Amino acid sequence: MSLSISNSNQQGKSSMTSQKLYGKAILAIGLCMAMALLSIHFILQGMGVNSQGVLGRVTESRAALPKIVTEPNEVVMFFGSSMTRAGFSPRKFDADLAEQGKQVKSFNFGFGGLNPYFQDFLSRRIADEFNKENRKIKLAMIEFNPFQTTQTRWSNASPVLDSFLTLLASDAELMEIAKTDVTRGIRLFNIKYLRGSISAQMITSFFARELFPPQSHQTFKDNDEIIAERRRLGRLLGEKFAEEYPNYKGEEWSYDWQGGGTMPQERSTETLAIFNDYYRVTQTDNAMKNDRLSRIRSADIEELNFEPLLVEHFINIVKNFQRVSQNVEVMMLPKNSKWIKTTPEGEKRLAAVVKQIEEATGIKMQNHQNLPQITPNMYRDTTHLSRYRGDIAYTDYLVEHYQNIF
């Protein structure tokens, strides 16, 4: 009897000891996980990941929405890709209309790296803000970028998919995803609230690029003198910028500049002359050939094999703006046709997609790809308009084309 009681006591003590061990193990694992998450958070904060590049530009522009909605003048918004960011000068647009006695406030919502899937969620946040205040955008200009809508572009977005989604989607939208895929839903909320919208895939892809930088297309090489001059002028332009804009805070999206860049009348004659020299050594035939190859590899820019999902999300973008805008215009921006030549099959696919978008939205898409006002020397590369050349010429065209709306 006493032996049985003794064995029972020993078993009880053993069970309690095991429970304590398990508890300590779980606590230790939890603490390690918490420390790891905190370490990742502080490392990313220290690197300024959320304030740099497209993440910083998106975050800063979203933070400006409540102020944009309360602007006393009519609001104009140009929404699109990095081509919009490079090609539209909002302050020049406003100044030119002011000379006609028309008071508007324009904003450049062009973002590099956001395909229509991400842009759809961002446009929902814009529409939410305007709906909340019962305010209408006077003119919404929406860029349709064909090479942002390809299967290749969608495939290349996989490392940043969850990060950008958690940055742009509402909790309700994430919950809808969780209802169909619980595992992914949990992961998305984890990324949003515990990782600051920086996914493990984004982190690993970032450090992988640091360890193994992707080989850029350098099939065609400029001579050493041109390369040296390019670097010298680039440094000189950096010094001139610091000199002429001493109070610049380093924002990716500046409210004072309305999301756009600097204007030629703000720069010195010396600086503008340096820009001319800089373009001469950066827009060489070899540099353009390399850039074209890079665009083919990263975006299928000439074959244009479209991703149906991205086309549907672009249609959503237009409909989101239609909810909160008095006038909506959809357009393809100027194309550097000297270097980018869409194949005949690509042109057919593009025509079919344009027709699909027009039928779904009821808006005739404006084709600005080959405007006579835009010449090949107005591009900084094979896709983007250059500062003080292309952006000025294209903004002039937009003022002339849309001035009667106001």
Protein backbone atom coordinates (compact mmCIF):
# COMPACT_ATOMS: atom_id res chain seq x y z
CA MET A 1 0.00 0.00 0.00
CA SER A 2 2.72 2.44 1.04
CA LEU A 3 4.73 1.42 -2.03
CA SER A 4 1.76 2.18 -4.28
CA ILE A 5 1.33 5.61 -2.70
CA SER A 6 5.05 6.26 -3.08
CA ASN A 7 4.96 5.33 -6.76
CA SER A 8 1.93 7.53 -7.27
CA ASN A 9 3.67 10.46 -5.61
CA GLN A 10 6.75 9.92 -7.72
CA GLN A 11 4.64 9.82 -10.89
CA GLY A 12 2.87 13.02 -9.83
CA LYS A 13 6.15 14.75 -9.16
CA SER A 14 7.51 13.49 -12.46
CA SER A 15 4.43 14.78 -14.29
CA MET A 16 4.72 18.17 -12.60
CA THR A 17 8.44 18.28 -13.45
CA SER A 18 7.67 17.48 -17.09
CA GLN A 19 4.99 20.18 -17.22
CA LYS A 20 7.44 22.71 -15.79
CA LEU A 21 10.05 21.70 -18.33
CA TYR A 22 7.56 21.97 -21.18
CA GLY A 23 6.40 25.34 -19.87
CA LYS A 24 9.96 26.63 -19.62
CA ALA A 25 10.72 25.32 -23.12
CA ILE A 26 7.64 27.01 -24.57
CA LEU A 27 8.49 30.23 -22.72
CA ALA A 28 12.08 30.11 -23.99
CA ILE A 29 10.94 29.50 -27.56
CA GLY A 30 8.41 32.34 -27.29
CA LEU A 31 11.06 34.70 -25.94
CA CYS A 32 13.45 33.73 -28.70
CA MET A 33 10.77 34.34 -31.33
CA ALA A 34 9.93 37.70 -29.78
CA MET A 35 13.60 38.67 -29.69
CA ALA A 36 14.02 37.60 -33.31
CA LEU A 37 11.00 39.65 -34.39
CA LEU A 38 12.23 42.67 -32.44
CA SER A 39 15.71 42.28 -33.91
CA ILE A 40 14.30 42.13 -37.44
CA HIS A 41 12.11 45.15 -36.70
CA PHE A 42 15.00 47.25 -35.36
CA ILE A 43 17.33 46.20 -38.19
CA LEU A 44 14.76 47.16 -40.80
CA GLN A 45 14.01 50.42 -39.01
CA GLY A 46 17.72 51.17 -38.85
CA MET A 47 18.05 50.53 -42.56
CA GLY A 48 15.07 52.81 -43.20
CA VAL A 49 13.36 50.18 -45.34
CA ASN A 50 9.87 51.60 -44.84
CA SER A 51 10.95 55.11 -45.71
CA GLN A 52 12.89 54.35 -48.88
CA GLY A 53 11.96 53.67 -52.48
CA VAL A 54 8.46 52.66 -53.41
CA LEU A 55 7.51 51.79 -49.82
CA GLY A 56 8.44 55.27 -48.66
CA ARG A 57 6.68 56.96 -51.58
CA VAL A 58 3.49 54.97 -51.06
CA THR A 59 3.49 55.53 -47.29
CA GLU A 60 4.11 59.27 -47.57
CA SER A 61 1.52 59.81 -50.30
CA ARG A 62 -1.11 57.89 -48.34
CA ALA A 63 -0.37 59.99 -45.27
CA ALA A 64 -1.03 63.09 -47.38
CA LEU A 65 -4.51 62.01 -48.50
CA PRO A 66 -6.44 63.68 -45.63
CA LYS A 67 -4.77 66.99 -46.51
CA ILE A 68 -5.35 66.53 -50.24
CA VAL A 69 -9.07 65.96 -49.65
CA THR A 70 -9.36 69.33 -47.87
CA GLU A 71 -7.60 71.36 -50.59
CA PRO A 72 -9.73 74.44 -51.39
CA ASN A 73 -8.98 74.30 -55.13
CA GLU A 74 -10.20 71.68 -57.60
CA VAL A 75 -8.13 68.51 -57.19
CA VAL A 76 -6.37 66.82 -60.11
CA MET A 77 -4.67 63.46 -59.72
CA PHE A 78 -2.45 61.64 -62.20
CA PHE A 79 -2.26 57.98 -61.12
CA GLY A 80 0.17 55.52 -62.64
CA SER A 81 3.62 53.97 -62.78
CA SER A 82 7.15 55.41 -62.67
CA MET A 83 6.44 56.74 -66.18
CA THR A 84 3.79 59.00 -64.62
CA ARG A 85 6.20 59.97 -61.87
CA ALA A 86 8.80 61.00 -64.47
CA GLY A 87 6.45 62.48 -67.05
CA PHE A 88 4.02 64.75 -65.19
CA SER A 89 4.95 68.05 -63.54
CA PRO A 90 1.97 68.92 -61.29
CA ARG A 91 3.22 72.33 -60.23
CA LYS A 92 3.79 73.37 -63.85
CA PHE A 93 0.30 72.07 -64.73
CA ASP A 94 -1.19 74.25 -61.99
CA ALA A 95 0.91 77.31 -62.87
CA ASP A 96 -0.08 77.15 -66.55
CA LEU A 97 -3.77 76.90 -65.67
CA ALA A 98 -3.42 79.73 -63.11
CA GLU A 99 -2.30 81.99 -65.96
CA GLN A 100 -5.75 81.31 -67.44
CA GLY A 101 -7.40 82.23 -64.13
CA LYS A 102 -8.11 78.57 -63.24
CA GLN A 103 -7.18 77.47 -59.73
CA VAL A 104 -6.40 73.76 -59.38
CA LYS A 105 -4.16 71.61 -57.20
CA SER A 106 -2.58 68.67 -59.00
CA PHE A 107 -0.82 65.64 -57.55
CA ASN A 108 1.54 63.11 -59.08
CA PHE A 109 0.62 59.63 -57.88
CA GLY A 110 3.11 57.78 -60.04
CA PHE A 111 4.86 54.83 -58.38
CA GLY A 112 7.60 52.61 -59.72
CA GLY A 113 7.31 48.93 -58.88
CA LEU A 114 3.53 48.80 -58.40
CA ASN A 115 1.70 46.67 -60.94
CA PRO A 116 -2.11 46.99 -61.35
CA TYR A 117 -2.75 44.42 -58.60
CA PHE A 118 -1.13 46.69 -56.01
CA GLN A 119 -2.42 49.86 -57.65
CA ASP A 120 -5.98 48.53 -57.29
CA PHE A 121 -5.64 48.44 -53.49
CA LEU A 122 -3.97 51.86 -53.41
CA SER A 123 -6.75 53.36 -55.52
CA ARG A 124 -9.30 51.90 -53.08
CA ARG A 125 -7.61 53.77 -50.23
CA ILE A 126 -7.73 57.00 -52.27
CA ALA A 127 -11.43 56.46 -53.03
CA ASP A 128 -12.14 55.68 -49.37
CA GLU A 129 -10.60 58.98 -48.28
CA PHE A 130 -12.54 61.06 -50.80
CA ASN A 131 -15.79 59.21 -50.04
CA LYS A 132 -15.30 59.81 -46.33
CA GLU A 133 -15.31 63.56 -46.89
CA ASN A 134 -17.86 63.45 -49.72
CA ARG A 135 -15.28 65.12 -51.99
CA LYS A 136 -14.81 64.65 -55.72
CA ILE A 137 -11.63 64.70 -57.78
CA LYS A 138 -12.16 67.18 -60.62
CA LEU A 139 -9.93 65.27 -63.05
CA ALA A 140 -8.40 61.82 -62.54
CA MET A 141 -5.86 60.83 -65.19
CA ILE A 142 -5.02 57.13 -65.08
CA GLU A 143 -2.06 55.65 -66.89
CA PHE A 144 -2.41 52.24 -68.49
CA ASN A 145 1.12 50.86 -68.69
CA PRO A 146 1.19 47.80 -70.99
CA PHE A 147 4.52 46.40 -69.78
CA GLN A 148 3.42 46.67 -66.13
CA THR A 149 0.54 44.33 -66.98
CA THR A 150 2.45 41.36 -68.41
CA GLN A 151 2.86 37.81 -67.13
CA THR A 152 6.58 38.48 -66.70
CA ARG A 153 5.91 41.50 -64.51
CA TRP A 154 3.47 39.52 -62.38
CA SER A 155 5.95 36.68 -61.94
CA ASN A 156 8.70 39.09 -60.88
CA ALA A 157 6.43 40.58 -58.20
CA SER A 158 6.30 37.39 -56.10
CA PRO A 159 8.98 38.43 -53.54
CA VAL A 160 7.09 41.62 -52.63
CA LEU A 161 3.52 40.39 -53.09
CA ASP A 162 2.62 39.92 -49.42
CA SER A 163 4.49 43.02 -48.24
CA PHE A 164 2.81 45.40 -50.65
CA LEU A 165 -0.55 43.75 -50.07
CA THR A 166 -0.38 44.26 -46.30
CA LEU A 167 0.78 47.84 -46.85
CA LEU A 168 -2.14 48.68 -49.12
CA ALA A 169 -5.04 46.41 -48.15
CA SER A 170 -7.47 47.10 -45.32
CA ASP A 171 -8.00 44.61 -42.49
CA ALA A 172 -11.39 43.77 -43.96
CA GLU A 173 -9.77 42.92 -47.31
CA LEU A 174 -7.15 40.79 -45.60
CA MET A 175 -9.91 39.03 -43.68
CA GLU A 176 -11.61 38.16 -46.97
CA ILE A 177 -8.39 36.48 -48.07
CA ALA A 178 -8.21 34.64 -44.73
CA LYS A 179 -11.72 33.26 -45.23
CA THR A 180 -10.57 31.40 -48.34
CA ASP A 181 -7.02 30.64 -47.18
CA VAL A 182 -6.60 30.63 -43.39
CA THR A 183 -2.86 29.95 -43.48
CA ARG A 184 -2.15 32.82 -45.83
CA GLY A 185 -4.50 35.10 -43.91
CA ILE A 186 -2.60 34.47 -40.66
CA ARG A 187 0.67 35.08 -42.46
CA LEU A 188 -0.58 38.38 -43.90
CA PHE A 189 -1.72 39.70 -40.51
CA ASN A 190 1.61 38.58 -39.05
CA ILE A 191 3.48 40.52 -41.73
CA LYS A 192 1.33 43.61 -41.25
CA TYR A 193 1.37 43.87 -37.47
CA LEU A 194 4.53 42.06 -36.39
CA ARG A 195 6.88 42.73 -39.30
CA GLY A 196 5.89 46.24 -40.32
CA SER A 197 4.67 45.01 -43.73
CA ILE A 198 8.08 43.53 -44.56
CA SER A 199 7.72 39.86 -45.47
CA ALA A 200 10.36 37.19 -45.09
CA GLN A 201 10.46 36.88 -48.90
CA MET A 202 11.21 40.58 -49.24
CA ILE A 203 13.98 40.37 -46.64
CA THR A 204 15.62 37.31 -48.15
CA SER A 205 15.36 38.68 -51.70
CA PHE A 206 16.92 41.96 -50.52
CA PHE A 207 19.90 40.29 -48.86
CA ALA A 208 20.22 37.84 -51.74
CA ARG A 209 20.62 40.79 -54.09
CA GLU A 210 23.22 42.25 -51.74
CA LEU A 211 25.19 38.99 -51.69
CA PHE A 212 24.58 38.07 -55.32
CA PRO A 213 23.75 41.26 -57.23
CA PRO A 214 21.76 40.58 -60.40
CA GLN A 215 23.80 40.91 -63.53
CA SER A 216 22.59 43.99 -65.36
CA HIS A 217 22.63 43.94 -69.13
CA GLN A 218 25.99 45.34 -70.17
CA THR A 219 26.15 43.71 -73.57
CA PHE A 220 27.07 47.05 -75.09
CA LYS A 221 29.78 49.07 -73.37
CA ASP A 222 30.65 52.75 -73.48
CA ASN A 223 34.30 53.73 -73.39
CA ASP A 224 36.04 54.59 -70.12
CA GLU A 225 36.02 58.33 -70.84
CA ILE A 226 32.23 58.44 -71.19
CA ILE A 227 31.74 56.34 -68.05
CA ALA A 228 34.08 58.59 -66.05
CA GLU A 229 32.32 61.72 -67.31
CA ARG A 230 28.92 60.21 -66.46
CA ARG A 231 30.04 59.64 -62.86
CA ARG A 232 31.61 63.09 -62.56
CA LEU A 233 28.52 64.89 -63.83
CA GLY A 234 26.27 62.74 -61.64
CA ARG A 235 28.24 63.76 -58.54
CA LEU A 236 28.19 67.39 -59.66
CA LEU A 237 24.41 67.33 -60.08
CA GLY A 238 24.09 65.88 -56.58
CA GLU A 239 26.17 68.74 -55.21
CA LYS A 240 24.12 71.33 -57.11
CA PHE A 241 20.89 69.85 -55.77
CA ALA A 242 22.15 70.08 -52.18
CA GLU A 243 23.21 73.67 -52.85
CA GLU A 244 19.94 74.77 -54.47
CA TYR A 245 17.60 72.87 -52.13
CA PRO A 246 19.24 73.12 -48.68
CA ASN A 247 15.94 72.52 -46.88
CA TYR A 248 15.01 69.37 -48.78
CA LYS A 249 14.00 66.72 -46.25
CA GLY A 250 14.63 63.67 -48.40
CA GLU A 251 10.98 62.70 -48.86
CA GLU A 252 10.12 60.15 -51.49
CA TRP A 253 6.77 61.93 -51.96
CA SER A 254 6.82 65.62 -51.12
CA TYR A 255 3.56 67.46 -50.46
CA ASP A 256 5.24 70.76 -51.22
CA TRP A 257 6.19 69.41 -54.64
CA GLN A 258 2.79 67.68 -54.99
CA GLY A 259 4.43 64.31 -55.60
CA GLY A 260 6.37 65.63 -58.58
CA GLY A 261 9.91 66.83 -59.06
CA THR A 262 11.75 70.08 -59.49
CA MET A 263 11.08 72.55 -62.31
CA PRO A 264 13.60 74.21 -64.65
CA GLN A 265 12.77 77.74 -63.49
CA GLU A 266 13.91 76.73 -59.99
CA ARG A 267 17.35 75.67 -61.19
CA SER A 268 20.34 77.79 -62.06
CA THR A 269 21.51 78.27 -65.64
CA GLU A 270 24.67 76.39 -64.69
CA THR A 271 22.70 73.41 -63.39
CA LEU A 272 20.57 73.19 -66.53
CA ALA A 273 23.73 73.24 -68.65
CA ILE A 274 25.13 70.37 -66.58
CA PHE A 275 21.93 68.42 -67.18
CA ASN A 276 22.39 68.80 -70.92
CA ASP A 277 25.93 67.42 -70.63
CA TYR A 278 24.72 64.63 -68.35
CA TYR A 279 22.03 63.51 -70.77
CA ARG A 280 24.62 63.46 -73.55
CA VAL A 281 26.73 60.86 -71.72
CA THR A 282 23.85 58.84 -70.20
CA GLN A 283 21.66 58.55 -73.29
CA THR A 284 24.25 56.91 -75.49
CA ASP A 285 23.27 54.24 -77.97
CA ASN A 286 25.01 51.60 -75.86
CA ALA A 287 23.17 52.64 -72.70
CA MET A 288 19.85 52.59 -74.55
CA LYS A 289 20.52 49.16 -76.04
CA ASN A 290 21.31 47.77 -72.60
CA ASP A 291 18.20 49.35 -71.08
CA ARG A 292 16.04 47.86 -73.84
CA LEU A 293 17.40 44.38 -73.11
CA SER A 294 16.70 44.89 -69.41
CA ARG A 295 13.10 45.88 -70.13
CA ILE A 296 12.59 42.84 -72.33
CA ARG A 297 13.92 40.57 -69.59
CA SER A 298 12.03 42.17 -66.70
CA ALA A 299 8.77 43.18 -68.37
CA ASP A 300 8.31 41.51 -71.77
CA ILE A 301 7.99 45.03 -73.16
CA GLU A 302 7.91 44.12 -76.85
CA GLU A 303 5.99 40.83 -76.93
CA LEU A 304 3.42 41.95 -74.32
CA ASN A 305 2.02 38.65 -73.11
CA PHE A 306 -0.59 40.06 -70.75
CA GLU A 307 -1.58 38.62 -67.37
CA PRO A 308 -5.42 38.47 -67.29
CA LEU A 309 -5.48 38.99 -63.51
CA LEU A 310 -3.60 42.29 -63.86
CA VAL A 311 -5.94 43.46 -66.62
CA GLU A 312 -8.92 42.83 -64.34
CA HIS A 313 -7.27 44.75 -61.53
CA PHE A 314 -6.58 47.67 -63.86
CA ILE A 315 -10.28 47.75 -64.71
CA ASN A 316 -10.94 47.87 -60.96
CA ILE A 317 -8.61 50.89 -60.68
CA VAL A 318 -10.63 52.83 -63.23
CA LYS A 319 -13.90 51.93 -61.51
CA ASN A 320 -12.48 52.98 -58.12
CA PHE A 321 -11.71 56.43 -59.51
CA GLN A 322 -15.05 56.64 -61.27
CA ARG A 323 -16.69 56.46 -57.84
CA VAL A 324 -15.00 59.66 -56.66
CA SER A 325 -14.19 61.67 -59.78
CA GLN A 326 -16.15 64.07 -61.96
CA ASN A 327 -13.92 63.35 -64.96
CA VAL A 328 -11.82 60.23 -65.56
CA GLU A 329 -9.34 59.90 -68.41
CA VAL A 330 -7.38 56.73 -69.17
CA MET A 331 -4.26 56.96 -71.30
CA MET A 332 -1.11 55.27 -72.48
CA LEU A 333 1.87 57.58 -71.98
CA PRO A 334 4.47 58.52 -74.61
CA LYS A 335 6.53 55.59 -75.83
CA ASN A 336 10.17 55.72 -76.86
CA SER A 337 9.45 54.09 -80.20
CA LYS A 338 12.99 54.65 -81.42
CA TRP A 339 14.12 51.90 -79.07
CA ILE A 340 11.00 49.95 -78.05
CA LYS A 341 9.31 48.31 -81.01
CA THR A 342 6.29 46.19 -80.10
CA THR A 343 6.00 43.05 -82.22
CA PRO A 344 2.96 42.68 -84.53
CA GLU A 345 1.60 39.96 -82.25
CA GLY A 346 2.17 42.23 -79.24
CA GLU A 347 0.24 45.04 -80.94
CA LYS A 348 -2.69 42.68 -81.52
CA ARG A 349 -2.66 41.61 -77.87
CA LEU A 350 -2.48 45.25 -76.78
CA ALA A 351 -5.43 46.21 -79.00
CA ALA A 352 -7.49 43.37 -77.51
CA VAL A 353 -6.68 44.44 -73.94
CA VAL A 354 -7.46 48.10 -74.68
CA LYS A 355 -10.83 47.03 -76.10
CA GLN A 356 -11.51 44.92 -72.99
CA ILE A 357 -10.75 47.88 -70.70
CA GLU A 358 -12.87 50.28 -72.75
CA GLU A 359 -15.87 47.94 -72.78
CA ALA A 360 -15.61 47.25 -69.04
CA THR A 361 -15.27 50.91 -68.01
CA GLY A 362 -17.13 52.78 -70.73
CA ILE A 363 -14.10 55.08 -71.22
CA LYS A 364 -12.25 55.54 -74.50
CA MET A 365 -8.55 55.11 -73.83
CA GLN A 366 -6.34 57.95 -75.04
CA ASN A 367 -3.24 56.84 -76.93
CA HIS A 368 -0.39 59.26 -76.21
CA GLN A 369 2.31 56.81 -77.25
CA ASN A 370 3.46 58.63 -80.37
CA LEU A 371 2.69 62.29 -79.86
CA PRO A 372 4.51 64.54 -82.36
CA GLN A 373 5.33 66.91 -79.48
CA ILE A 374 7.53 64.24 -77.86
CA THR A 375 10.81 63.44 -79.60
CA PRO A 376 13.35 60.66 -78.88
CA ASN A 377 15.80 63.06 -77.20
CA MET A 378 13.15 63.78 -74.52
CA TYR A 379 13.61 60.39 -72.84
CA ARG A 380 16.14 59.59 -70.14
CA ASP A 381 16.08 55.89 -71.09
CA THR A 382 13.95 53.59 -73.25
CA THR A 383 10.76 54.22 -71.27
CA HIS A 384 10.89 57.31 -69.01
CA LEU A 385 10.63 60.94 -70.05
CA SER A 386 13.55 63.07 -68.90
CA ARG A 387 13.48 65.90 -66.38
CA TYR A 388 13.22 69.42 -67.86
CA ARG A 389 12.67 68.01 -71.35
CA GLY A 390 10.09 65.27 -71.66
CA ASP A 391 8.10 66.08 -68.52
CA ILE A 392 7.74 69.71 -69.59
CA ALA A 393 6.65 68.87 -73.13
CA TYR A 394 4.16 66.24 -71.98
CA THR A 395 2.71 68.46 -69.24
CA ASP A 396 2.27 71.21 -71.85
CA TYR A 397 0.29 68.73 -73.95
CA LEU A 398 -1.92 67.76 -71.00
CA VAL A 399 -2.65 71.40 -70.18
CA GLU A 400 -3.70 72.07 -73.76
CA HIS A 401 -5.72 68.84 -73.96
CA TYR A 402 -7.64 69.15 -70.67
CA GLN A 403 -7.79 72.88 -69.93
CA ASN A 404 -11.47 73.14 -70.91
CA ILE A 405 -12.48 70.78 -68.09
CA PHE A 406 -11.83 73.56 -65.57
